[in-house]
Amino acid sequence: MSQKLASRLDDYWINLRLREAEMPAAHLLRSIPSKNINSMLPTIDEALELYLKVQGEHKKNTFFTHSKRTIAYLKQFLGSRPLNQYSTADATTFRDWLRKKGVSAASVQFL
């Protein structure tokens, strides 16, 4: 229990540090991802299908269940898009949403 609490506290502190840290060349970053409707990249659903096909050989059912659940959460929160339409800001808000939903810190890995 103490390790779990320490891990959550570490996550909290690192989030505070990252919010306060000035990023070099921040003026060059886009705050809004481009909306390329003609994207040639696969959607998150297509990427999941390929991932399960390539990585799923000889895996237990929990591998498939966990992967599908994670993508279902992503689609519920951000929708299904081509891969280049997700931003780091999306990843951060998605992570925070999962935490509020009650998903453990160990399950929520930094994207």
C-alpha atoms as a PDB file:
ATOM      1  CA  MET A   1       0.000   0.000   0.000  1.00  0.00           C
ATOM      2  CA  SER A   2       2.847   2.393   0.818  1.00  0.00           C
ATOM      3  CA  GLN A   3       4.463   1.746  -2.570  1.00  0.00           C
ATOM      4  CA  LYS A   4       1.176   2.480  -4.298  1.00  0.00           C
ATOM      5  CA  LEU A   5       0.781   5.751  -2.397  1.00  0.00           C
ATOM      6  CA  ALA A   6       4.401   6.711  -3.057  1.00  0.00           C
ATOM      7  CA  SER A   7       3.907   6.025  -6.767  1.00  0.00           C
ATOM      8  CA  ARG A   8       0.800   8.209  -6.884  1.00  0.00           C
ATOM      9  CA  LEU A   9       2.644  10.980  -5.043  1.00  0.00           C
ATOM     10  CA  ASP A  10       5.553  10.728  -7.505  1.00  0.00           C
ATOM     11  CA  ASP A  11       3.100  11.016 -10.412  1.00  0.00           C
ATOM     12  CA  TYR A  12       1.509  14.047  -8.795  1.00  0.00           C
ATOM     13  CA  TRP A  13       4.869  15.792  -8.275  1.00  0.00           C
ATOM     14  CA  ILE A  14       6.105  15.091 -11.780  1.00  0.00           C
ATOM     15  CA  ASN A  15       2.882  16.510 -13.218  1.00  0.00           C
ATOM     16  CA  LEU A  16       3.387  19.677 -11.178  1.00  0.00           C
ATOM     17  CA  ARG A  17       6.991  19.977 -12.346  1.00  0.00           C
ATOM     18  CA  LEU A  18       6.034  19.476 -15.994  1.00  0.00           C
ATOM     19  CA  ARG A  19       3.320  22.129 -15.816  1.00  0.00           C
ATOM     20  CA  GLU A  20       5.728  24.697 -14.386  1.00  0.00           C
ATOM     21  CA  ALA A  21       8.736  23.887 -16.552  1.00  0.00           C
ATOM     22  CA  GLU A  22       9.442  26.178 -19.470  1.00  0.00           C
ATOM     23  CA  MET A  23       9.939  24.267 -22.656  1.00  0.00           C
ATOM     24  CA  PRO A  24      12.693  25.402 -25.019  1.00  0.00           C
ATOM     25  CA  ALA A  25      11.298  26.526 -28.405  1.00  0.00           C
ATOM     26  CA  ALA A  26       7.710  26.232 -27.125  1.00  0.00           C
ATOM     27  CA  HIS A  27       6.687  28.933 -29.583  1.00  0.00           C
ATOM     28  CA  LEU A  28       7.332  26.445 -32.404  1.00  0.00           C
ATOM     29  CA  LEU A  29       4.823  23.885 -31.122  1.00  0.00           C
ATOM     30  CA  ARG A  30       1.316  23.639 -32.463  1.00  0.00           C
ATOM     31  CA  SER A  31      -1.396  23.985 -29.875  1.00  0.00           C
ATOM     32  CA  ILE A  32      -4.030  22.473 -32.152  1.00  0.00           C
ATOM     33  CA  PRO A  33      -3.329  19.375 -34.222  1.00  0.00           C
ATOM     34  CA  SER A  34      -3.755  19.692 -37.958  1.00  0.00           C
ATOM     35  CA  LYS A  35      -7.011  18.373 -39.335  1.00  0.00           C
ATOM     36  CA  ASN A  36      -5.811  16.545 -42.413  1.00  0.00           C
ATOM     37  CA  ILE A  37      -8.991  14.874 -43.608  1.00  0.00           C
ATOM     38  CA  ASN A  38      -6.992  13.167 -46.362  1.00  0.00           C
ATOM     39  CA  SER A  39      -4.661  11.425 -43.926  1.00  0.00           C
ATOM     40  CA  MET A  40      -3.066   8.279 -45.291  1.00  0.00           C
ATOM     41  CA  LEU A  41      -2.397   6.888 -41.825  1.00  0.00           C
ATOM     42  CA  PRO A  42      -4.630   4.192 -40.341  1.00  0.00           C
ATOM     43  CA  THR A  43      -7.318   5.031 -37.814  1.00  0.00           C
ATOM     44  CA  ILE A  44      -6.931   3.899 -34.226  1.00  0.00           C
ATOM     45  CA  ASP A  45      -9.299   0.982 -35.006  1.00  0.00           C
ATOM     46  CA  GLU A  46      -7.163  -0.144 -37.949  1.00  0.00           C
ATOM     47  CA  ALA A  47      -3.996   0.244 -35.885  1.00  0.00           C
ATOM     48  CA  LEU A  48      -5.512  -1.891 -33.115  1.00  0.00           C
ATOM     49  CA  GLU A  49      -6.462  -4.588 -35.603  1.00  0.00           C
ATOM     50  CA  LEU A  50      -2.914  -4.671 -36.995  1.00  0.00           C
ATOM     51  CA  TYR A  51      -1.372  -4.586 -33.498  1.00  0.00           C
ATOM     52  CA  LEU A  52      -3.461  -7.552 -32.348  1.00  0.00           C
ATOM     53  CA  LYS A  53      -2.604  -9.463 -35.507  1.00  0.00           C
ATOM     54  CA  VAL A  54       1.146  -8.831 -35.257  1.00  0.00           C
ATOM     55  CA  GLN A  55       1.658  -8.932 -31.487  1.00  0.00           C
ATOM     56  CA  GLY A  56      -1.185 -11.245 -30.476  1.00  0.00           C
ATOM     57  CA  GLU A  57       0.203 -14.537 -31.650  1.00  0.00           C
ATOM     58  CA  HIS A  58       0.428 -16.967 -28.719  1.00  0.00           C
ATOM     59  CA  LYS A  59      -0.951 -14.373 -26.295  1.00  0.00           C
ATOM     60  CA  LYS A  60      -3.605 -15.061 -23.696  1.00  0.00           C
ATOM     61  CA  ASN A  61      -7.105 -13.611 -23.875  1.00  0.00           C
ATOM     62  CA  THR A  62      -6.186 -10.937 -21.311  1.00  0.00           C
ATOM     63  CA  PHE A  63      -3.835  -9.348 -23.866  1.00  0.00           C
ATOM     64  CA  PHE A  64      -6.697  -8.905 -26.329  1.00  0.00           C
ATOM     65  CA  THR A  65      -9.175  -7.810 -23.666  1.00  0.00           C
ATOM     66  CA  HIS A  66      -6.818  -5.184 -22.241  1.00  0.00           C
ATOM     67  CA  SER A  67      -5.872  -3.809 -25.674  1.00  0.00           C
ATOM     68  CA  LYS A  68      -9.475  -3.568 -26.848  1.00  0.00           C
ATOM     69  CA  ARG A  69     -10.605  -1.969 -23.569  1.00  0.00           C
ATOM     70  CA  THR A  70      -7.861   0.656 -23.758  1.00  0.00           C
ATOM     71  CA  ILE A  71      -8.788   1.629 -27.312  1.00  0.00           C
ATOM     72  CA  ALA A  72     -12.484   1.660 -26.394  1.00  0.00           C
ATOM     73  CA  TYR A  73     -11.696   4.178 -23.626  1.00  0.00           C
ATOM     74  CA  LEU A  74      -9.671   6.267 -26.093  1.00  0.00           C
ATOM     75  CA  LYS A  75     -12.499   6.257 -28.631  1.00  0.00           C
ATOM     76  CA  GLN A  76     -15.039   7.092 -25.930  1.00  0.00           C
ATOM     77  CA  PHE A  77     -13.028  10.129 -24.858  1.00  0.00           C
ATOM     78  CA  LEU A  78     -11.401  11.358 -28.094  1.00  0.00           C
ATOM     79  CA  GLY A  79     -13.157   9.505 -30.896  1.00  0.00           C
ATOM     80  CA  SER A  80     -11.694   7.350 -33.645  1.00  0.00           C
ATOM     81  CA  ARG A  81      -9.238   9.296 -35.807  1.00  0.00           C
ATOM     82  CA  PRO A  82      -6.219   8.674 -38.015  1.00  0.00           C
ATOM     83  CA  LEU A  83      -3.104   8.268 -35.869  1.00  0.00           C
ATOM     84  CA  ASN A  84      -1.623  11.636 -36.850  1.00  0.00           C
ATOM     85  CA  GLN A  85      -4.710  13.419 -35.532  1.00  0.00           C
ATOM     86  CA  TYR A  86      -3.934  12.694 -31.868  1.00  0.00           C
ATOM     87  CA  SER A  87      -1.751  15.252 -30.101  1.00  0.00           C
ATOM     88  CA  THR A  88       0.313  15.173 -26.930  1.00  0.00           C
ATOM     89  CA  ALA A  89      -2.305  17.456 -25.400  1.00  0.00           C
ATOM     90  CA  ASP A  90      -4.890  14.762 -26.201  1.00  0.00           C
ATOM     91  CA  ALA A  91      -2.691  12.197 -24.470  1.00  0.00           C
ATOM     92  CA  THR A  92      -2.427  14.336 -21.351  1.00  0.00           C
ATOM     93  CA  THR A  93      -6.148  14.998 -21.095  1.00  0.00           C
ATOM     94  CA  PHE A  94      -6.860  11.325 -21.819  1.00  0.00           C
ATOM     95  CA  ARG A  95      -4.500  10.259 -19.027  1.00  0.00           C
ATOM     96  CA  ASP A  96      -6.189  12.662 -16.600  1.00  0.00           C
ATOM     97  CA  TRP A  97      -9.618  11.400 -17.662  1.00  0.00           C
ATOM     98  CA  LEU A  98      -8.553   7.790 -17.012  1.00  0.00           C
ATOM     99  CA  ARG A  99      -7.263   8.750 -13.563  1.00  0.00           C
ATOM    100  CA  LYS A 100     -10.579  10.466 -12.707  1.00  0.00           C
ATOM    101  CA  LYS A 101     -12.397   7.390 -14.008  1.00  0.00           C
ATOM    102  CA  GLY A 102     -10.562   5.375 -11.343  1.00  0.00           C
ATOM    103  CA  VAL A 103      -8.018   3.543 -13.490  1.00  0.00           C
ATOM    104  CA  SER A 104      -4.966   2.848 -11.327  1.00  0.00           C
ATOM    105  CA  ALA A 105      -1.728   4.763 -11.835  1.00  0.00           C
ATOM    106  CA  ALA A 106       0.020   1.500 -12.651  1.00  0.00           C
ATOM    107  CA  SER A 107      -2.413   0.910 -15.515  1.00  0.00           C
ATOM    108  CA  VAL A 108      -2.124   4.429 -16.847  1.00  0.00           C
ATOM    109  CA  GLN A 109       1.275   4.714 -18.462  1.00  0.00           C
ATOM    110  CA  PHE A 110       2.561   8.014 -19.805  1.00  0.00           C
ATOM    111  CA  LEU A 111       1.766   8.061 -23.509  1.00  0.00           C
END
